[in-house]
Amino acid sequence: MEELDVEGVAAEMGVCAETVRRLIRTGRLRAMRAGTRGYRIRPEWIRDYRNSTITA
């Protein structure tokens, strides 16, 4: 399974990298630590985030 870094997620979501980092810090976007200075995000976690923000 391919995991994306913050910059890859930002490009896919159409937002800046700092927005992705903010979503991770606030717990709204799931991520796992990669080393001491990075995150890895699975595509299904992005899908989960998007599904949680859809309003009826």
N, C-alpha and C. Protein backbone atom coordinates (compact mmCIF):
# COMPACT_ATOMS: atom_id res chain seq x y z
N MET A 1 0.84 -1.18 0.00
CA MET A 1 0.00 0.00 0.00
C MET A 1 0.88 1.24 0.00
N GLU A 2 0.55 2.17 -0.87
CA GLU A 2 1.33 3.39 -0.98
C GLU A 2 0.88 4.42 0.04
N GLU A 3 1.82 4.99 0.73
CA GLU A 3 1.54 6.04 1.70
C GLU A 3 2.10 7.34 1.15
N LEU A 4 1.42 8.42 1.42
CA LEU A 4 1.82 9.73 0.93
C LEU A 4 2.45 10.56 2.03
N ASP A 5 3.32 11.48 1.63
CA ASP A 5 3.85 12.42 2.60
C ASP A 5 2.94 13.65 2.62
N VAL A 6 3.25 14.59 3.47
CA VAL A 6 2.41 15.77 3.65
C VAL A 6 2.25 16.54 2.33
N GLU A 7 3.33 16.70 1.60
CA GLU A 7 3.27 17.44 0.34
C GLU A 7 2.39 16.72 -0.69
N GLY A 8 2.47 15.39 -0.73
CA GLY A 8 1.64 14.62 -1.65
C GLY A 8 0.16 14.73 -1.31
N VAL A 9 -0.15 14.70 -0.03
CA VAL A 9 -1.55 14.84 0.41
C VAL A 9 -2.04 16.25 0.09
N ALA A 10 -1.21 17.24 0.32
CA ALA A 10 -1.59 18.63 0.04
C ALA A 10 -1.92 18.79 -1.44
N ALA A 11 -1.10 18.22 -2.31
CA ALA A 11 -1.35 18.31 -3.74
C ALA A 11 -2.66 17.61 -4.12
N GLU A 12 -2.89 16.45 -3.54
CA GLU A 12 -4.11 15.71 -3.85
C GLU A 12 -5.36 16.43 -3.36
N MET A 13 -5.26 17.09 -2.21
CA MET A 13 -6.42 17.77 -1.63
C MET A 13 -6.58 19.20 -2.14
N GLY A 14 -5.55 19.73 -2.79
CA GLY A 14 -5.63 21.09 -3.29
C GLY A 14 -5.49 22.15 -2.21
N VAL A 15 -4.69 21.83 -1.20
CA VAL A 15 -4.44 22.77 -0.10
C VAL A 15 -2.93 22.88 0.10
N CYS A 16 -2.51 23.78 0.97
CA CYS A 16 -1.07 23.89 1.23
C CYS A 16 -0.65 22.85 2.28
N ALA A 17 0.64 22.58 2.33
CA ALA A 17 1.17 21.58 3.24
C ALA A 17 0.90 21.92 4.70
N GLU A 18 0.92 23.20 5.03
CA GLU A 18 0.67 23.60 6.43
C GLU A 18 -0.77 23.26 6.84
N THR A 19 -1.71 23.35 5.91
CA THR A 19 -3.09 22.96 6.21
C THR A 19 -3.16 21.48 6.56
N VAL A 20 -2.44 20.65 5.83
CA VAL A 20 -2.41 19.22 6.11
C VAL A 20 -1.79 18.98 7.48
N ARG A 21 -0.70 19.66 7.79
CA ARG A 21 -0.08 19.50 9.10
C ARG A 21 -1.03 19.92 10.22
N ARG A 22 -1.78 20.99 10.00
CA ARG A 22 -2.75 21.45 10.99
C ARG A 22 -3.85 20.41 11.20
N LEU A 23 -4.33 19.82 10.12
CA LEU A 23 -5.36 18.77 10.23
C LEU A 23 -4.83 17.58 11.03
N ILE A 24 -3.56 17.25 10.83
CA ILE A 24 -2.95 16.13 11.56
C ILE A 24 -2.82 16.49 13.04
N ARG A 25 -2.30 17.69 13.32
CA ARG A 25 -2.10 18.11 14.72
C ARG A 25 -3.41 18.16 15.50
N THR A 26 -4.49 18.56 14.84
CA THR A 26 -5.78 18.66 15.53
C THR A 26 -6.53 17.34 15.57
N GLY A 27 -5.96 16.31 14.94
CA GLY A 27 -6.57 14.99 14.99
C GLY A 27 -7.67 14.76 13.96
N ARG A 28 -7.86 15.70 13.05
CA ARG A 28 -8.92 15.55 12.05
C ARG A 28 -8.49 14.65 10.90
N LEU A 29 -7.17 14.57 10.63
CA LEU A 29 -6.63 13.70 9.58
C LEU A 29 -5.67 12.72 10.23
N ARG A 30 -5.92 11.46 10.04
CA ARG A 30 -5.07 10.42 10.64
C ARG A 30 -3.74 10.35 9.90
N ALA A 31 -2.67 10.14 10.63
CA ALA A 31 -1.33 10.03 10.05
C ALA A 31 -0.45 9.25 11.00
N MET A 32 0.65 8.73 10.46
CA MET A 32 1.62 8.07 11.32
C MET A 32 2.96 8.76 11.14
N ARG A 33 3.73 8.76 12.20
CA ARG A 33 5.04 9.39 12.17
C ARG A 33 5.99 8.58 11.31
N ALA A 34 6.81 9.29 10.55
CA ALA A 34 7.85 8.67 9.74
C ALA A 34 9.17 9.32 10.16
N GLY A 35 9.89 8.66 10.99
CA GLY A 35 11.13 9.24 11.49
C GLY A 35 10.84 10.34 12.50
N THR A 36 11.71 11.33 12.53
CA THR A 36 11.56 12.38 13.52
C THR A 36 10.89 13.64 12.97
N ARG A 37 10.81 13.77 11.65
CA ARG A 37 10.31 15.03 11.11
C ARG A 37 9.30 14.87 9.98
N GLY A 38 8.56 13.80 9.97
CA GLY A 38 7.61 13.65 8.88
C GLY A 38 6.43 12.78 9.23
N TYR A 39 5.47 12.78 8.33
CA TYR A 39 4.28 11.97 8.48
C TYR A 39 4.06 11.16 7.22
N ARG A 40 3.35 10.05 7.35
CA ARG A 40 2.88 9.26 6.22
C ARG A 40 1.39 9.08 6.39
N ILE A 41 0.67 9.27 5.29
CA ILE A 41 -0.79 9.21 5.33
C ILE A 41 -1.25 8.21 4.28
N ARG A 42 -2.09 7.29 4.68
CA ARG A 42 -2.62 6.30 3.75
C ARG A 42 -3.80 6.89 2.98
N PRO A 43 -3.99 6.48 1.73
CA PRO A 43 -5.10 7.01 0.93
C PRO A 43 -6.47 6.82 1.58
N GLU A 44 -6.68 5.72 2.28
CA GLU A 44 -7.99 5.51 2.91
C GLU A 44 -8.23 6.51 4.05
N TRP A 45 -7.15 7.00 4.68
CA TRP A 45 -7.31 8.00 5.72
C TRP A 45 -7.74 9.33 5.12
N ILE A 46 -7.25 9.64 3.92
CA ILE A 46 -7.69 10.85 3.22
C ILE A 46 -9.17 10.70 2.88
N ARG A 47 -9.54 9.54 2.40
CA ARG A 47 -10.95 9.26 2.06
C ARG A 47 -11.84 9.40 3.30
N ASP A 48 -11.37 8.85 4.42
CA ASP A 48 -12.13 8.97 5.67
C ASP A 48 -12.32 10.44 6.07
N TYR A 49 -11.26 11.23 5.94
CA TYR A 49 -11.36 12.65 6.27
C TYR A 49 -12.38 13.33 5.36
N ARG A 50 -12.27 13.09 4.08
CA ARG A 50 -13.21 13.71 3.13
C ARG A 50 -14.65 13.31 3.43
N ASN A 51 -14.86 12.04 3.75
CA ASN A 51 -16.23 11.56 4.06
C ASN A 51 -16.76 12.20 5.34
N SER A 52 -15.87 12.50 6.28
CA SER A 52 -16.31 13.09 7.54
C SER A 52 -16.65 14.57 7.40
N THR A 53 -16.20 15.19 6.33
CA THR A 53 -16.45 16.63 6.16
C THR A 53 -17.58 16.92 5.19
N ILE A 54 -18.17 15.89 4.61
CA ILE A 54 -19.29 16.09 3.68
C ILE A 54 -20.53 16.44 4.48
N THR A 55 -21.19 17.51 4.07
CA THR A 55 -22.42 17.91 4.75
C THR A 55 -23.62 17.61 3.87
N ALA A 56 -24.71 17.27 4.50
CA ALA A 56 -25.91 16.91 3.75
C ALA A 56 -26.70 18.13 3.36
